[in-house]
Each structure stands twice: as structure tokens, then as C-alpha cells.
């Protein structure tokens, strides 16, 4: 092989290596990632939380929400109406409830402090929650205080 042929092959190898590296970098930057996952430990102290996925996770487009006192209407939030699949009470003193309808209306489920339901199917409440309250704030349902 002549010196001219060797010289011509080296730039081609470098260009090929650069293209391969750029492709790997682009794949990493543009690659599909799994949705962000939450956990019961992500529910701040003194709050109650609800997630769209089971086991305190999120599924696809819907996320999770939390409240410190009360939440009149999940509609339009990061969780949205009738999308909760898990629920955790990380409150410090009160039972937390989730209601099927707006403003603490209709059937509800409740959890004592530091406990939850990783799967709301177990209590026949999957994708049914619309509002959430700590027990002492149920009387504030429907007011601007609860959002």
C-alpha cells in the first residue's frame, strides 16, 4: 500500500468515528425515556398526595398532586379529575380523605397519618377521586381556601 493510500484512509476513519460518536450522542439526547416516577416519600411532610399510577407512581400524561389542607377540584391540575390510582397521607395529625365529587361530595376513602393505598382498586376507588381534604378542613369545602 502506498503512502498516499494510507493517508486517504485515516481521514475517512476519523470522519466515520465522528459520525458514529455524533449519532450515539444524538440517540442519548433524543432517546425515549420512561416517565418520571414519584414515590410516597415524595409526598411532603404534612401533605396528602394522589398519583395517576399505582404504587405511588405516574402513568403517561397524568402526574400527581398534593394538598396541605384541602383541594376542592382536581380537574385541570397535574393529576386531573378521576385519574388517581394511589393515595398517601403524609400528614402529621389528621386523617386524609379523597372524595368522588367536588367539594367533599359523595363517597370517600380515608387514611390515617403515614399510610396509604398503593392501588386504589383494592378499595374500589381507582379513577374516581375529584377532591381531597384533611379531616379538620372538610368544613372549608367549596371555599377559595381549598385550592
Protein backbone atom coordinates (compact mmCIF):
# COMPACT_ATOMS: atom_id res chain seq x y z
CA UNK A 1 0.00 0.00 0.00
CA UNK A 2 1.39 3.40 -0.93
CA UNK A 3 1.79 6.30 1.47
CA UNK A 4 -0.93 8.17 -0.45
CA UNK A 5 -3.48 5.37 0.13
CA UNK A 6 -2.69 5.22 3.87
CA UNK A 7 -3.12 8.99 4.21
CA UNK A 8 -6.52 8.88 2.49
CA UNK A 9 -7.85 6.09 4.72
CA UNK A 10 -7.06 7.88 8.01
CA UNK A 11 -9.37 10.88 7.40
CA UNK A 12 -12.18 8.52 6.36
CA UNK A 13 -11.79 6.60 9.62
CA UNK A 14 -11.85 9.82 11.63
CA UNK A 15 -14.93 11.05 9.82
CA UNK A 16 -16.61 7.67 10.39
CA UNK A 17 -15.70 7.81 14.09
CA UNK A 18 -17.01 11.37 14.39
CA UNK A 19 -20.30 10.42 12.70
CA UNK A 20 -20.67 7.38 14.97
CA UNK A 21 -19.99 9.46 18.10
CA UNK A 22 -22.44 12.15 16.99
CA UNK A 23 -25.09 9.51 16.30
CA UNK A 24 -24.66 7.99 19.77
CA UNK A 25 -24.83 11.42 21.38
CA UNK A 26 -27.99 12.32 19.44
CA UNK A 27 -29.58 8.99 20.35
CA UNK A 28 -28.87 9.67 24.01
CA UNK A 29 -30.28 13.20 23.86
CA UNK A 30 -33.33 12.30 21.80
CA UNK A 31 -33.89 8.81 23.12
CA UNK A 32 -37.14 7.82 24.67
CA UNK A 33 -37.06 7.79 28.43
CA UNK A 34 -39.50 6.29 30.87
CA UNK A 35 -41.91 8.71 32.54
CA UNK A 36 -40.79 10.34 35.76
CA UNK A 37 -41.73 8.31 38.78
CA UNK A 38 -42.90 9.64 42.07
CA UNK A 39 -43.00 7.77 45.37
CA UNK A 40 -44.78 8.03 48.69
CA UNK A 41 -41.53 9.54 50.01
CA UNK A 42 -42.04 12.42 47.53
CA UNK A 43 -45.18 13.43 49.40
CA UNK A 44 -44.02 16.26 51.63
CA UNK A 45 -44.47 16.16 55.38
CA UNK A 46 -47.88 17.46 56.41
CA UNK A 47 -49.41 16.78 52.99
CA UNK A 48 -51.67 14.21 51.38
CA UNK A 49 -50.89 13.07 47.84
CA UNK A 50 -52.56 11.25 44.97
CA UNK A 51 -50.87 9.73 41.90
CA UNK A 52 -52.17 8.69 38.50
CA UNK A 53 -50.22 5.43 38.63
CA UNK A 54 -50.18 2.52 41.00
CA UNK A 55 -47.57 2.21 43.76
CA UNK A 56 -47.27 6.00 44.08
CA UNK A 57 -46.08 6.44 40.51
CA UNK A 58 -47.23 8.35 37.46
CA UNK A 59 -48.52 6.92 34.23
CA UNK A 60 -48.06 8.71 30.95
CA UNK A 61 -49.52 12.19 30.64
CA UNK A 62 -51.09 12.41 34.12
CA UNK A 63 -48.95 13.14 37.13
CA UNK A 64 -49.63 13.58 40.80
CA UNK A 65 -50.91 16.24 43.16
CA UNK A 66 -50.76 17.08 46.84
CA UNK A 67 -52.58 19.27 49.34
CA UNK A 68 -51.74 20.66 52.73
CA UNK A 69 -55.29 21.37 53.92
CA UNK A 70 -57.82 20.72 51.20
CA UNK A 71 -58.29 20.58 47.43
CA UNK A 72 -61.78 21.25 46.01
CA UNK A 73 -61.32 20.06 42.45
CA UNK A 74 -58.54 18.01 40.89
CA UNK A 75 -59.79 18.99 37.40
CA UNK A 76 -57.18 20.91 35.47
CA UNK A 77 -54.33 20.08 37.85
CA UNK A 78 -51.37 17.83 37.21
CA UNK A 79 -53.45 14.85 38.33
CA UNK A 80 -56.88 15.79 36.95
CA UNK A 81 -60.33 14.59 37.84
CA UNK A 82 -60.95 10.85 38.14
CA UNK A 83 -57.34 9.83 37.45
CA UNK A 84 -55.96 8.84 40.89
CA UNK A 85 -54.73 5.27 41.24
CA UNK A 86 -52.78 5.59 44.52
CA UNK A 87 -53.13 7.78 47.62
CA UNK A 88 -50.88 8.54 50.61
CA UNK A 89 -51.43 10.56 53.79
CA UNK A 90 -48.13 12.04 54.93
CA UNK A 91 -49.95 14.35 57.32
CA UNK A 92 -48.81 14.84 60.88
CA UNK A 93 -52.07 14.82 62.84
CA UNK A 94 -55.22 14.14 60.81
CA UNK A 95 -56.97 11.57 58.68
CA UNK A 96 -56.89 12.45 54.97
CA UNK A 97 -59.83 11.81 52.66
CA UNK A 98 -60.42 11.73 48.93
CA UNK A 99 -63.97 12.25 47.68
CA UNK A 100 -65.60 11.11 44.48
CA UNK A 101 -67.16 14.51 43.77
CA UNK A 102 -66.27 18.19 44.01
CA UNK A 103 -66.15 19.98 47.34
CA UNK A 104 -66.06 16.88 49.56
CA UNK A 105 -69.12 15.39 47.90
CA UNK A 106 -70.22 11.79 47.61
CA UNK A 107 -68.43 8.61 48.66
CA UNK A 108 -64.92 8.90 50.06
CA UNK A 109 -61.93 6.90 51.21
CA UNK A 110 -59.70 7.86 54.12
CA UNK A 111 -56.27 7.03 55.50
CA UNK A 112 -54.73 7.67 58.90
CA UNK A 113 -51.42 9.54 59.06
CA UNK A 114 -48.35 7.97 57.44
CA UNK A 115 -50.32 5.38 55.47
CA UNK A 116 -51.71 4.95 52.01
CA UNK A 117 -53.26 2.86 49.29
CA UNK A 118 -50.71 1.93 46.62
CA UNK A 119 -53.58 0.55 44.50
CA UNK A 120 -56.99 2.20 44.76
CA UNK A 121 -58.57 -0.82 43.05
CA UNK A 122 -58.27 -2.59 46.40
CA UNK A 123 -60.89 -0.21 47.83
CA UNK A 124 -62.90 0.23 44.60
CA UNK A 125 -61.83 3.86 44.23
CA UNK A 126 -59.49 3.76 41.23
CA UNK A 127 -60.01 6.72 38.86
CA UNK A 128 -62.86 8.09 40.98
CA UNK A 129 -61.34 10.88 43.14
CA UNK A 130 -62.21 14.51 42.44
CA UNK A 131 -61.34 16.32 45.69
CA UNK A 132 -59.20 15.80 48.79
CA UNK A 133 -59.24 17.04 52.39
CA UNK A 134 -57.70 16.64 55.78
CA UNK A 135 -60.50 15.90 58.23
CA UNK A 136 -60.41 19.25 60.07
CA UNK A 137 -60.80 21.16 56.78
CA UNK A 138 -63.88 19.41 55.36
CA UNK A 139 -65.92 22.39 56.58
CA UNK A 140 -63.92 24.60 54.20
CA UNK A 141 -65.08 22.61 51.17
CA UNK A 142 -66.11 24.82 48.28
CA UNK A 143 -64.26 27.89 49.57
CA UNK A 144 -61.26 29.58 47.96
CA UNK A 145 -59.18 28.35 50.91
CA UNK A 146 -59.22 24.84 49.44
CA UNK A 147 -57.14 25.05 46.27
